[in-house]
Each structure stands twice: as structure tokens, then as C-alpha cells.
Amino acid sequence: MYSSTFIFRAGQYDEEFHRLDQQIAEIARTIPGYLGEETWENSGAGLIQNVYYWESEEALLKLVQHPTHMEAKSKQARWLDGYRVIIAEIKREYGENKLPSPIDDQRS
């Protein structure tokens, strides 16, 4: 399993940003191998994180290489005050089952 974490500081959003952001989320959900997603905000640092979970690196790359994603990436400086991406291989996930996992729905 893999995760792609998009960490960014918001700038000025416009209609095009919201349209592309929504399209990318919808595209991700249609890619075979998509497992789920989570969004986190660190208000103290002014950072937002979108974490997508994938069965494989190949599935993740389908989103990265999608034309809509590439369009948004080319325009990010208009809307964001900095970003970084972390791609990670996940070895395991565990807990006491009180918190739902974003990947549970896709695995059942």
C-alpha cells in the first residue's frame, strides 16, 4: 500500500481552483487501486494535508500523470503559498478500531 500526501499553505483560491480540485478528487476515486483519503489541517502552521491511499505505486501514478492533475500542478503558484508532496510505502496499519480507516470501505 502507498500514500501520497499533498501538504500546502493556502493562498488565494478562485473558481478554477475549486473546479480542478473537485475534478482531481473525483478522478482519484475512479482509478482502480484507490483506497481512500483523509484531509488534515494544522491551523497553527497554516498547513493543509490531503492524504490519498493506493494499493500500488502504479495506481498512484495514474493520478499524478492524469492531464487534469498536471494542469493543476502547472497553475499551483496562482493558488498556493508553497507545497510539498510525500510518497510513502505503508508497511502496516493498526489500532484499536475506534477510529475509522479511510481504506476500510474500499477493502470490504
PDB file of N, CA and C in Angstrom:
ATOM      1  N   MET A   1       0.846  -1.169   0.000  1.00  0.00           N
ATOM      2  CA  MET A   1       0.000   0.000   0.000  1.00  0.00           C
ATOM      3  C   MET A   1       0.899   1.242   0.000  1.00  0.00           C
ATOM      4  N   TYR A   2       0.426   2.293  -0.664  1.00  0.00           N
ATOM      5  CA  TYR A   2       1.155   3.555  -0.766  1.00  0.00           C
ATOM      6  C   TYR A   2       0.255   4.710  -0.341  1.00  0.00           C
ATOM      7  N   SER A   3       0.893   5.794   0.045  1.00  0.00           N
ATOM      8  CA  SER A   3       0.159   7.033   0.282  1.00  0.00           C
ATOM      9  C   SER A   3       0.853   8.160  -0.474  1.00  0.00           C
ATOM     10  N   SER A   4       0.052   9.102  -0.908  1.00  0.00           N
ATOM     11  CA  SER A   4       0.582  10.342  -1.474  1.00  0.00           C
ATOM     12  C   SER A   4      -0.005  11.468  -0.627  1.00  0.00           C
ATOM     13  N   THR A   5       0.878  12.230   0.003  1.00  0.00           N
ATOM     14  CA  THR A   5       0.466  13.304   0.897  1.00  0.00           C
ATOM     15  C   THR A   5       0.828  14.639   0.270  1.00  0.00           C
ATOM     16  N   PHE A   6      -0.175  15.451   0.043  1.00  0.00           N
ATOM     17  CA  PHE A   6      -0.008  16.778  -0.531  1.00  0.00           C
ATOM     18  C   PHE A   6      -0.162  17.772   0.607  1.00  0.00           C
ATOM     19  N   ILE A   7       0.926  18.451   0.960  1.00  0.00           N
ATOM     20  CA  ILE A   7       0.951  19.416   2.058  1.00  0.00           C
ATOM     21  C   ILE A   7       1.112  20.799   1.443  1.00  0.00           C
ATOM     22  N   PHE A   8       0.235  21.718   1.835  1.00  0.00           N
ATOM     23  CA  PHE A   8       0.312  23.043   1.222  1.00  0.00           C
ATOM     24  C   PHE A   8      -0.181  24.127   2.173  1.00  0.00           C
ATOM     25  N   ARG A   9       0.219  25.345   1.846  1.00  0.00           N
ATOM     26  CA  ARG A   9      -0.284  26.531   2.533  1.00  0.00           C
ATOM     27  C   ARG A   9      -1.193  27.247   1.536  1.00  0.00           C
ATOM     28  N   ALA A  10      -2.409  27.477   1.945  1.00  0.00           N
ATOM     29  CA  ALA A  10      -3.391  28.098   1.061  1.00  0.00           C
ATOM     30  C   ALA A  10      -2.996  29.523   0.716  1.00  0.00           C
ATOM     31  N   GLY A  11      -3.286  29.877  -0.511  1.00  0.00           N
ATOM     32  CA  GLY A  11      -3.141  31.253  -0.962  1.00  0.00           C
ATOM     33  C   GLY A  11      -4.523  31.781  -1.283  1.00  0.00           C
ATOM     34  N   GLN A  12      -4.680  32.340  -2.465  1.00  0.00           N
ATOM     35  CA  GLN A  12      -5.977  32.864  -2.909  1.00  0.00           C
ATOM     36  C   GLN A  12      -6.612  31.877  -3.884  1.00  0.00           C
ATOM     37  N   TYR A  13      -7.728  31.287  -3.473  1.00  0.00           N
ATOM     38  CA  TYR A  13      -8.451  30.357  -4.339  1.00  0.00           C
ATOM     39  C   TYR A  13      -9.405  31.144  -5.236  1.00  0.00           C
ATOM     40  N   ASP A  14      -9.664  30.582  -6.409  1.00  0.00           N
ATOM     41  CA  ASP A  14     -10.674  31.132  -7.290  1.00  0.00           C
ATOM     42  C   ASP A  14     -11.537  29.990  -7.816  1.00  0.00           C
ATOM     43  N   GLU A  15     -12.456  30.310  -8.706  1.00  0.00           N
ATOM     44  CA  GLU A  15     -13.381  29.305  -9.228  1.00  0.00           C
ATOM     45  C   GLU A  15     -12.636  28.171  -9.931  1.00  0.00           C
ATOM     46  N   GLU A  16     -11.606  28.506 -10.685  1.00  0.00           N
ATOM     47  CA  GLU A  16     -10.843  27.473 -11.392  1.00  0.00           C
ATOM     48  C   GLU A  16     -10.166  26.516 -10.415  1.00  0.00           C
ATOM     49  N   PHE A  17      -9.630  27.035  -9.322  1.00  0.00           N
ATOM     50  CA  PHE A  17      -9.020  26.167  -8.311  1.00  0.00           C
ATOM     51  C   PHE A  17     -10.046  25.165  -7.797  1.00  0.00           C
ATOM     52  N   HIS A  18     -11.206  25.642  -7.402  1.00  0.00           N
ATOM     53  CA  HIS A  18     -12.227  24.756  -6.838  1.00  0.00           C
ATOM     54  C   HIS A  18     -12.687  23.718  -7.860  1.00  0.00           C
ATOM     55  N   ARG A  19     -12.809  24.126  -9.121  1.00  0.00           N
ATOM     56  CA  ARG A  19     -13.208  23.194 -10.175  1.00  0.00           C
ATOM     57  C   ARG A  19     -12.165  22.093 -10.356  1.00  0.00           C
ATOM     58  N   LEU A  20     -10.900  22.472 -10.476  1.00  0.00           N
ATOM     59  CA  LEU A  20      -9.838  21.486 -10.672  1.00  0.00           C
ATOM     60  C   LEU A  20      -9.665  20.597  -9.443  1.00  0.00           C
ATOM     61  N   ASP A  21      -9.753  21.182  -8.258  1.00  0.00           N
ATOM     62  CA  ASP A  21      -9.619  20.412  -7.025  1.00  0.00           C
ATOM     63  C   ASP A  21     -10.699  19.329  -6.951  1.00  0.00           C
ATOM     64  N   GLN A  22     -11.921  19.691  -7.274  1.00  0.00           N
ATOM     65  CA  GLN A  22     -13.034  18.739  -7.263  1.00  0.00           C
ATOM     66  C   GLN A  22     -12.842  17.663  -8.331  1.00  0.00           C
ATOM     67  N   GLN A  23     -12.409  18.060  -9.512  1.00  0.00           N
ATOM     68  CA  GLN A  23     -12.184  17.096 -10.592  1.00  0.00           C
ATOM     69  C   GLN A  23     -11.098  16.096 -10.214  1.00  0.00           C
ATOM     70  N   ILE A  24     -10.022  16.557  -9.623  1.00  0.00           N
ATOM     71  CA  ILE A  24      -8.931  15.667  -9.244  1.00  0.00           C
ATOM     72  C   ILE A  24      -9.407  14.660  -8.207  1.00  0.00           C
ATOM     73  N   ALA A  25     -10.163  15.113  -7.236  1.00  0.00           N
ATOM     74  CA  ALA A  25     -10.696  14.190  -6.220  1.00  0.00           C
ATOM     75  C   ALA A  25     -11.597  13.140  -6.865  1.00  0.00           C
ATOM     76  N   GLU A  26     -12.449  13.556  -7.798  1.00  0.00           N
ATOM     77  CA  GLU A  26     -13.339  12.612  -8.476  1.00  0.00           C
ATOM     78  C   GLU A  26     -12.565  11.630  -9.337  1.00  0.00           C
ATOM     79  N   ILE A  27     -11.547  12.111 -10.027  1.00  0.00           N
ATOM     80  CA  ILE A  27     -10.714  11.240 -10.858  1.00  0.00           C
ATOM     81  C   ILE A  27     -10.013  10.212  -9.990  1.00  0.00           C
ATOM     82  N   ALA A  28      -9.435  10.657  -8.882  1.00  0.00           N
ATOM     83  CA  ALA A  28      -8.724   9.733  -7.986  1.00  0.00           C
ATOM     84  C   ALA A  28      -9.635   8.591  -7.568  1.00  0.00           C
ATOM     85  N   ARG A  29     -10.867   8.906  -7.217  1.00  0.00           N
ATOM     86  CA  ARG A  29     -11.806   7.894  -6.722  1.00  0.00           C
ATOM     87  C   ARG A  29     -12.195   6.878  -7.789  1.00  0.00           C
ATOM     88  N   THR A  30     -11.998   7.198  -9.071  1.00  0.00           N
ATOM     89  CA  THR A  30     -12.345   6.264 -10.139  1.00  0.00           C
ATOM     90  C   THR A  30     -11.176   5.381 -10.566  1.00  0.00           C
ATOM     91  N   ILE A  31      -9.991   5.664 -10.093  1.00  0.00           N
ATOM     92  CA  ILE A  31      -8.812   4.904 -10.504  1.00  0.00           C
ATOM     93  C   ILE A  31      -8.784   3.569  -9.765  1.00  0.00           C
ATOM     94  N   PRO A  32      -8.706   2.452 -10.499  1.00  0.00           N
ATOM     95  CA  PRO A  32      -8.561   1.161  -9.818  1.00  0.00           C
ATOM     96  C   PRO A  32      -7.306   1.176  -8.942  1.00  0.00           C
ATOM     97  N   GLY A  33      -7.453   0.781  -7.696  1.00  0.00           N
ATOM     98  CA  GLY A  33      -6.340   0.824  -6.755  1.00  0.00           C
ATOM     99  C   GLY A  33      -6.429   1.963  -5.770  1.00  0.00           C
ATOM    100  N   TYR A  34      -7.382   2.880  -5.970  1.00  0.00           N
ATOM    101  CA  TYR A  34      -7.637   3.944  -4.993  1.00  0.00           C
ATOM    102  C   TYR A  34      -8.267   3.301  -3.761  1.00  0.00           C
ATOM    103  N   LEU A  35      -7.768   3.645  -2.574  1.00  0.00           N
ATOM    104  CA  LEU A  35      -8.280   3.050  -1.342  1.00  0.00           C
ATOM    105  C   LEU A  35      -9.035   4.027  -0.447  1.00  0.00           C
ATOM    106  N   GLY A  36      -8.714   5.302  -0.513  1.00  0.00           N
ATOM    107  CA  GLY A  36      -9.382   6.267   0.347  1.00  0.00           C
ATOM    108  C   GLY A  36      -8.536   7.515   0.516  1.00  0.00           C
ATOM    109  N   GLU A  37      -9.054   8.427   1.322  1.00  0.00           N
ATOM    110  CA  GLU A  37      -8.350   9.697   1.524  1.00  0.00           C
ATOM    111  C   GLU A  37      -8.718  10.302   2.868  1.00  0.00           C
ATOM    112  N   GLU A  38      -7.849  11.172   3.333  1.00  0.00           N
ATOM    113  CA  GLU A  38      -8.065  11.941   4.561  1.00  0.00           C
ATOM    114  C   GLU A  38      -7.525  13.342   4.335  1.00  0.00           C
ATOM    115  N   THR A  39      -8.112  14.309   5.023  1.00  0.00           N
ATOM    116  CA  THR A  39      -7.625  15.687   4.967  1.00  0.00           C
ATOM    117  C   THR A  39      -7.377  16.159   6.391  1.00  0.00           C
ATOM    118  N   TRP A  40      -6.250  16.825   6.580  1.00  0.00           N
ATOM    119  CA  TRP A  40      -5.862  17.333   7.894  1.00  0.00           C
ATOM    120  C   TRP A  40      -5.468  18.787   7.767  1.00  0.00           C
ATOM    121  N   GLU A  41      -5.699  19.538   8.819  1.00  0.00           N
ATOM    122  CA  GLU A  41      -5.306  20.938   8.844  1.00  0.00           C
ATOM    123  C   GLU A  41      -4.544  21.232  10.126  1.00  0.00           C
ATOM    124  N   ASN A  42      -3.421  21.911   9.985  1.00  0.00           N
ATOM    125  CA  ASN A  42      -2.640  22.403  11.115  1.00  0.00           C
ATOM    126  C   ASN A  42      -2.820  23.917  11.110  1.00  0.00           C
ATOM    127  N   SER A  43      -3.833  24.393  11.812  1.00  0.00           N
ATOM    128  CA  SER A  43      -4.156  25.820  11.765  1.00  0.00           C
ATOM    129  C   SER A  43      -3.034  26.678  12.334  1.00  0.00           C
ATOM    130  N   GLY A  44      -2.287  26.161  13.312  1.00  0.00           N
ATOM    131  CA  GLY A  44      -1.176  26.913  13.878  1.00  0.00           C
ATOM    132  C   GLY A  44      -0.091  27.214  12.866  1.00  0.00           C
ATOM    133  N   ALA A  45       0.168  26.245  11.989  1.00  0.00           N
ATOM    134  CA  ALA A  45       1.192  26.421  10.954  1.00  0.00           C
ATOM    135  C   ALA A  45       0.590  26.906   9.641  1.00  0.00           C
ATOM    136  N   GLY A  46      -0.736  26.901   9.554  1.00  0.00           N
ATOM    137  CA  GLY A  46      -1.395  27.307   8.318  1.00  0.00           C
ATOM    138  C   GLY A  46      -1.246  26.300   7.200  1.00  0.00           C
ATOM    139  N   LEU A  47      -1.107  25.020   7.552  1.00  0.00           N
ATOM    140  CA  LEU A  47      -0.898  23.975   6.548  1.00  0.00           C
ATOM    141  C   LEU A  47      -2.101  23.054   6.438  1.00  0.00           C
ATOM    142  N   ILE A  48      -2.322  22.556   5.232  1.00  0.00           N
ATOM    143  CA  ILE A  48      -3.365  21.585   4.950  1.00  0.00           C
ATOM    144  C   ILE A  48      -2.701  20.365   4.324  1.00  0.00           C
ATOM    145  N   GLN A  49      -3.179  19.174   4.690  1.00  0.00           N
ATOM    146  CA  GLN A  49      -2.657  17.928   4.121  1.00  0.00           C
ATOM    147  C   GLN A  49      -3.807  17.124   3.537  1.00  0.00           C
ATOM    148  N   ASN A  50      -3.650  16.711   2.300  1.00  0.00           N
ATOM    149  CA  ASN A  50      -4.555  15.756   1.680  1.00  0.00           C
ATOM    150  C   ASN A  50      -3.765  14.469   1.498  1.00  0.00           C
ATOM    151  N   VAL A  51      -4.250  13.382   2.089  1.00  0.00           N
ATOM    152  CA  VAL A  51      -3.571  12.092   2.010  1.00  0.00           C
ATOM    153  C   VAL A  51      -4.452  11.141   1.223  1.00  0.00           C
ATOM    154  N   TYR A  52      -3.917  10.619   0.129  1.00  0.00           N
ATOM    155  CA  TYR A  52      -4.598   9.606  -0.670  1.00  0.00           C
ATOM    156  C   TYR A  52      -3.897   8.278  -0.445  1.00  0.00           C
ATOM    157  N   TYR A  53      -4.676   7.198  -0.358  1.00  0.00           N
ATOM    158  CA  TYR A  53      -4.136   5.858  -0.149  1.00  0.00           C
ATOM    159  C   TYR A  53      -4.371   5.013  -1.397  1.00  0.00           C
ATOM    160  N   TRP A  54      -3.366   4.205  -1.746  1.00  0.00           N
ATOM    161  CA  TRP A  54      -3.366   3.455  -3.001  1.00  0.00           C
ATOM    162  C   TRP A  54      -2.901   2.018  -2.769  1.00  0.00           C
ATOM    163  N   GLU A  55      -3.433   1.093  -3.543  1.00  0.00           N
ATOM    164  CA  GLU A  55      -2.981  -0.301  -3.482  1.00  0.00           C
ATOM    165  C   GLU A  55      -1.565  -0.456  -4.018  1.00  0.00           C
ATOM    166  N   SER A  56      -1.207   0.390  -5.003  1.00  0.00           N
ATOM    167  CA  SER A  56       0.095   0.241  -5.652  1.00  0.00           C
ATOM    168  C   SER A  56       0.628   1.601  -6.096  1.00  0.00           C
ATOM    169  N   GLU A  57       1.913   1.619  -6.350  1.00  0.00           N
ATOM    170  CA  GLU A  57       2.516   2.844  -6.875  1.00  0.00           C
ATOM    171  C   GLU A  57       1.997   3.129  -8.283  1.00  0.00           C
ATOM    172  N   GLU A  58       1.710   2.097  -9.039  1.00  0.00           N
ATOM    173  CA  GLU A  58       1.176   2.268 -10.398  1.00  0.00           C
ATOM    174  C   GLU A  58      -0.174   2.997 -10.361  1.00  0.00           C
ATOM    175  N   ALA A  59      -1.031   2.635  -9.411  1.00  0.00           N
ATOM    176  CA  ALA A  59      -2.324   3.316  -9.278  1.00  0.00           C
ATOM    177  C   ALA A  59      -2.124   4.785  -8.929  1.00  0.00           C
ATOM    178  N   LEU A  60      -1.236   5.046  -8.003  1.00  0.00           N
ATOM    179  CA  LEU A  60      -0.922   6.424  -7.597  1.00  0.00           C
ATOM    180  C   LEU A  60      -0.442   7.237  -8.800  1.00  0.00           C
ATOM    181  N   LEU A  61       0.426   6.644  -9.613  1.00  0.00           N
ATOM    182  CA  LEU A  61       0.990   7.358 -10.763  1.00  0.00           C
ATOM    183  C   LEU A  61      -0.064   7.685 -11.810  1.00  0.00           C
ATOM    184  N   LYS A  62      -1.144   6.910 -11.862  1.00  0.00           N
ATOM    185  CA  LYS A  62      -2.223   7.229 -12.808  1.00  0.00           C
ATOM    186  C   LYS A  62      -2.835   8.588 -12.486  1.00  0.00           C
ATOM    187  N   LEU A  63      -2.938   8.908 -11.212  1.00  0.00           N
ATOM    188  CA  LEU A  63      -3.438  10.240 -10.847  1.00  0.00           C
ATOM    189  C   LEU A  63      -2.379  11.299 -11.128  1.00  0.00           C
ATOM    190  N   VAL A  64      -1.147  11.037 -10.732  1.00  0.00           N
ATOM    191  CA  VAL A  64      -0.066  12.010 -10.919  1.00  0.00           C
ATOM    192  C   VAL A  64       0.084  12.385 -12.396  1.00  0.00           C
ATOM    193  N   GLN A  65      -0.097  11.405 -13.283  1.00  0.00           N
ATOM    194  CA  GLN A  65       0.110  11.631 -14.716  1.00  0.00           C
ATOM    195  C   GLN A  65      -1.168  12.030 -15.457  1.00  0.00           C
ATOM    196  N   HIS A  66      -2.281  12.127 -14.751  1.00  0.00           N
ATOM    197  CA  HIS A  66      -3.538  12.499 -15.390  1.00  0.00           C
ATOM    198  C   HIS A  66      -3.463  13.961 -15.852  1.00  0.00           C
ATOM    199  N   PRO A  67      -3.981  14.276 -17.055  1.00  0.00           N
ATOM    200  CA  PRO A  67      -3.897  15.654 -17.568  1.00  0.00           C
ATOM    201  C   PRO A  67      -4.503  16.711 -16.636  1.00  0.00           C
ATOM    202  N   THR A  68      -5.582  16.407 -15.949  1.00  0.00           N
ATOM    203  CA  THR A  68      -6.186  17.386 -15.041  1.00  0.00           C
ATOM    204  C   THR A  68      -5.266  17.675 -13.867  1.00  0.00           C
ATOM    205  N   HIS A  69      -4.622  16.637 -13.345  1.00  0.00           N
ATOM    206  CA  HIS A  69      -3.661  16.837 -12.255  1.00  0.00           C
ATOM    207  C   HIS A  69      -2.475  17.662 -12.743  1.00  0.00           C
ATOM    208  N   MET A  70      -1.990  17.358 -13.931  1.00  0.00           N
ATOM    209  CA  MET A  70      -0.846  18.094 -14.479  1.00  0.00           C
ATOM    210  C   MET A  70      -1.207  19.560 -14.731  1.00  0.00           C
ATOM    211  N   GLU A  71      -2.438  19.817 -15.158  1.00  0.00           N
ATOM    212  CA  GLU A  71      -2.883  21.199 -15.352  1.00  0.00           C
ATOM    213  C   GLU A  71      -2.880  21.957 -14.022  1.00  0.00           C
ATOM    214  N   ALA A  72      -3.449  21.344 -12.986  1.00  0.00           N
ATOM    215  CA  ALA A  72      -3.483  21.994 -11.673  1.00  0.00           C
ATOM    216  C   ALA A  72      -2.072  22.248 -11.152  1.00  0.00           C
ATOM    217  N   LYS A  73      -1.198  21.281 -11.328  1.00  0.00           N
ATOM    218  CA  LYS A  73       0.183  21.440 -10.856  1.00  0.00           C
ATOM    219  C   LYS A  73       0.862  22.612 -11.558  1.00  0.00           C
ATOM    220  N   SER A  74       0.603  22.769 -12.846  1.00  0.00           N
ATOM    221  CA  SER A  74       1.241  23.862 -13.586  1.00  0.00           C
ATOM    222  C   SER A  74       0.736  25.243 -13.149  1.00  0.00           C
ATOM    223  N   LYS A  75      -0.425  25.282 -12.500  1.00  0.00           N
ATOM    224  CA  LYS A  75      -1.021  26.555 -12.086  1.00  0.00           C
ATOM    225  C   LYS A  75      -0.971  26.775 -10.575  1.00  0.00           C
ATOM    226  N   GLN A  76      -0.366  25.859  -9.825  1.00  0.00           N
ATOM    227  CA  GLN A  76      -0.421  25.903  -8.359  1.00  0.00           C
ATOM    228  C   GLN A  76       0.075  27.216  -7.766  1.00  0.00           C
ATOM    229  N   ALA A  77       1.042  27.861  -8.384  1.00  0.00           N
ATOM    230  CA  ALA A  77       1.598  29.105  -7.824  1.00  0.00           C
ATOM    231  C   ALA A  77       0.543  30.210  -7.750  1.00  0.00           C
ATOM    232  N   ARG A  78      -0.520  30.114  -8.549  1.00  0.00           N
ATOM    233  CA  ARG A  78      -1.607  31.101  -8.506  1.00  0.00           C
ATOM    234  C   ARG A  78      -2.424  30.981  -7.232  1.00  0.00           C
ATOM    235  N   TRP A  79      -2.473  29.762  -6.650  1.00  0.00           N
ATOM    236  CA  TRP A  79      -3.401  29.490  -5.556  1.00  0.00           C
ATOM    237  C   TRP A  79      -2.749  29.119  -4.231  1.00  0.00           C
ATOM    238  N   LEU A  80      -1.495  28.691  -4.272  1.00  0.00           N
ATOM    239  CA  LEU A  80      -0.852  28.178  -3.070  1.00  0.00           C
ATOM    240  C   LEU A  80       0.340  29.026  -2.677  1.00  0.00           C
ATOM    241  N   ASP A  81       0.601  29.059  -1.389  1.00  0.00           N
ATOM    242  CA  ASP A  81       1.777  29.746  -0.857  1.00  0.00           C
ATOM    243  C   ASP A  81       2.784  28.686  -0.426  1.00  0.00           C
ATOM    244  N   GLY A  82       3.102  27.790  -1.343  1.00  0.00           N
ATOM    245  CA  GLY A  82       4.060  26.718  -1.112  1.00  0.00           C
ATOM    246  C   GLY A  82       3.388  25.364  -0.949  1.00  0.00           C
ATOM    247  N   TYR A  83       4.103  24.320  -1.373  1.00  0.00           N
ATOM    248  CA  TYR A  83       3.603  22.952  -1.223  1.00  0.00           C
ATOM    249  C   TYR A  83       4.763  21.968  -1.233  1.00  0.00           C
ATOM    250  N   ARG A  84       4.473  20.765  -0.783  1.00  0.00           N
ATOM    251  CA  ARG A  84       5.379  19.638  -0.945  1.00  0.00           C
ATOM    252  C   ARG A  84       4.543  18.362  -0.971  1.00  0.00           C
ATOM    253  N   VAL A  85       5.122  17.322  -1.544  1.00  0.00           N
ATOM    254  CA  VAL A  85       4.439  16.038  -1.694  1.00  0.00           C
ATOM    255  C   VAL A  85       5.323  14.954  -1.105  1.00  0.00           C
ATOM    256  N   ILE A  86       4.702  14.049  -0.361  1.00  0.00           N
ATOM    257  CA  ILE A  86       5.415  12.900   0.193  1.00  0.00           C
ATOM    258  C   ILE A  86       4.753  11.645  -0.353  1.00  0.00           C
ATOM    259  N   ILE A  87       5.541  10.798  -0.983  1.00  0.00           N
ATOM    260  CA  ILE A  87       5.077   9.497  -1.453  1.00  0.00           C
ATOM    261  C   ILE A  87       5.706   8.466  -0.525  1.00  0.00           C
ATOM    262  N   ALA A  88       4.860   7.626   0.079  1.00  0.00           N
ATOM    263  CA  ALA A  88       5.366   6.665   1.070  1.00  0.00           C
ATOM    264  C   ALA A  88       4.766   5.284   0.834  1.00  0.00           C
ATOM    265  N   GLU A  89       5.569   4.269   1.105  1.00  0.00           N
ATOM    266  CA  GLU A  89       5.065   2.904   1.116  1.00  0.00           C
ATOM    267  C   GLU A  89       4.647   2.584   2.548  1.00  0.00           C
ATOM    268  N   ILE A  90       3.434   2.103   2.707  1.00  0.00           N
ATOM    269  CA  ILE A  90       2.898   1.801   4.033  1.00  0.00           C
ATOM    270  C   ILE A  90       3.095   0.324   4.310  1.00  0.00           C
ATOM    271  N   LYS A  91       3.762   0.026   5.392  1.00  0.00           N
ATOM    272  CA  LYS A  91       4.041  -1.365   5.763  1.00  0.00           C
ATOM    273  C   LYS A  91       2.877  -2.001   6.507  1.00  0.00           C
ATOM    274  N   ARG A  92       2.209  -1.214   7.358  1.00  0.00           N
ATOM    275  CA  ARG A  92       1.079  -1.754   8.119  1.00  0.00           C
ATOM    276  C   ARG A  92       0.248  -0.611   8.666  1.00  0.00           C
ATOM    277  N   GLU A  93      -0.977  -0.957   9.044  1.00  0.00           N
ATOM    278  CA  GLU A  93      -1.877  -0.041   9.712  1.00  0.00           C
ATOM    279  C   GLU A  93      -2.503  -0.821  10.861  1.00  0.00           C
ATOM    280  N   TYR A  94      -2.570  -0.213  12.035  1.00  0.00           N
ATOM    281  CA  TYR A  94      -3.185  -0.905  13.162  1.00  0.00           C
ATOM    282  C   TYR A  94      -3.752   0.098  14.146  1.00  0.00           C
ATOM    283  N   GLY A  95      -4.568  -0.370  15.045  1.00  0.00           N
ATOM    284  CA  GLY A  95      -5.181   0.452  16.076  1.00  0.00           C
ATOM    285  C   GLY A  95      -6.191  -0.387  16.828  1.00  0.00           C
ATOM    286  N   GLU A  96      -7.001   0.267  17.649  1.00  0.00           N
ATOM    287  CA  GLU A  96      -7.971  -0.479  18.447  1.00  0.00           C
ATOM    288  C   GLU A  96      -9.364  -0.407  17.843  1.00  0.00           C
ATOM    289  N   ASN A  97      -9.469   0.039  16.584  1.00  0.00           N
ATOM    290  CA  ASN A  97     -10.713   0.046  15.803  1.00  0.00           C
ATOM    291  C   ASN A  97     -11.752   1.054  16.272  1.00  0.00           C
ATOM    292  N   LYS A  98     -11.365   2.055  17.065  1.00  0.00           N
ATOM    293  CA  LYS A  98     -12.307   3.111  17.444  1.00  0.00           C
ATOM    294  C   LYS A  98     -12.365   4.216  16.389  1.00  0.00           C
ATOM    295  N   LEU A  99     -11.299   4.364  15.623  1.00  0.00           N
ATOM    296  CA  LEU A  99     -11.262   5.360  14.556  1.00  0.00           C
ATOM    297  C   LEU A  99     -11.432   4.659  13.218  1.00  0.00           C
ATOM    298  N   PRO A 100     -12.326   5.157  12.386  1.00  0.00           N
ATOM    299  CA  PRO A 100     -12.487   4.521  11.076  1.00  0.00           C
ATOM    300  C   PRO A 100     -11.260   4.777  10.210  1.00  0.00           C
ATOM    301  N   SER A 101     -10.938   3.808   9.395  1.00  0.00           N
ATOM    302  CA  SER A 101      -9.843   3.944   8.448  1.00  0.00           C
ATOM    303  C   SER A 101     -10.414   4.307   7.079  1.00  0.00           C
ATOM    304  N   PRO A 102      -9.799   5.236   6.376  1.00  0.00           N
ATOM    305  CA  PRO A 102     -10.330   5.596   5.058  1.00  0.00           C
ATOM    306  C   PRO A 102     -10.207   4.453   4.057  1.00  0.00           C
ATOM    307  N   ILE A 103      -9.405   3.461   4.362  1.00  0.00           N
ATOM    308  CA  ILE A 103      -9.243   2.353   3.415  1.00  0.00           C
ATOM    309  C   ILE A 103     -10.194   1.195   3.688  1.00  0.00           C
ATOM    310  N   ASP A 104     -10.874   1.188   4.830  1.00  0.00           N
ATOM    311  CA  ASP A 104     -11.766   0.075   5.175  1.00  0.00           C
ATOM    312  C   ASP A 104     -12.879  -0.130   4.163  1.00  0.00           C
ATOM    313  N   ASP A 105     -13.529   0.947   3.707  1.00  0.00           N
ATOM    314  CA  ASP A 105     -14.641   0.820   2.771  1.00  0.00           C
ATOM    315  C   ASP A 105     -14.213   0.204   1.450  1.00  0.00           C
ATOM    316  N   GLN A 106     -12.999   0.514   1.010  1.00  0.00           N
ATOM    317  CA  GLN A 106     -12.528   0.006  -0.280  1.00  0.00           C
ATOM    318  C   GLN A 106     -12.100  -1.458  -0.184  1.00  0.00           C
ATOM    319  N   ARG A 107     -11.685  -1.896   0.976  1.00  0.00           N
ATOM    320  CA  ARG A 107     -11.213  -3.270   1.138  1.00  0.00           C
ATOM    321  C   ARG A 107     -12.340  -4.259   1.387  1.00  0.00           C
ATOM    322  N   SER A 108     -13.488  -3.795   1.859  1.00  0.00           N
ATOM    323  CA  SER A 108     -14.562  -4.745   2.196  1.00  0.00           C
ATOM    324  C   SER A 108     -15.369  -5.135   0.985  1.00  0.00           C
TER     325      SER A 108
END
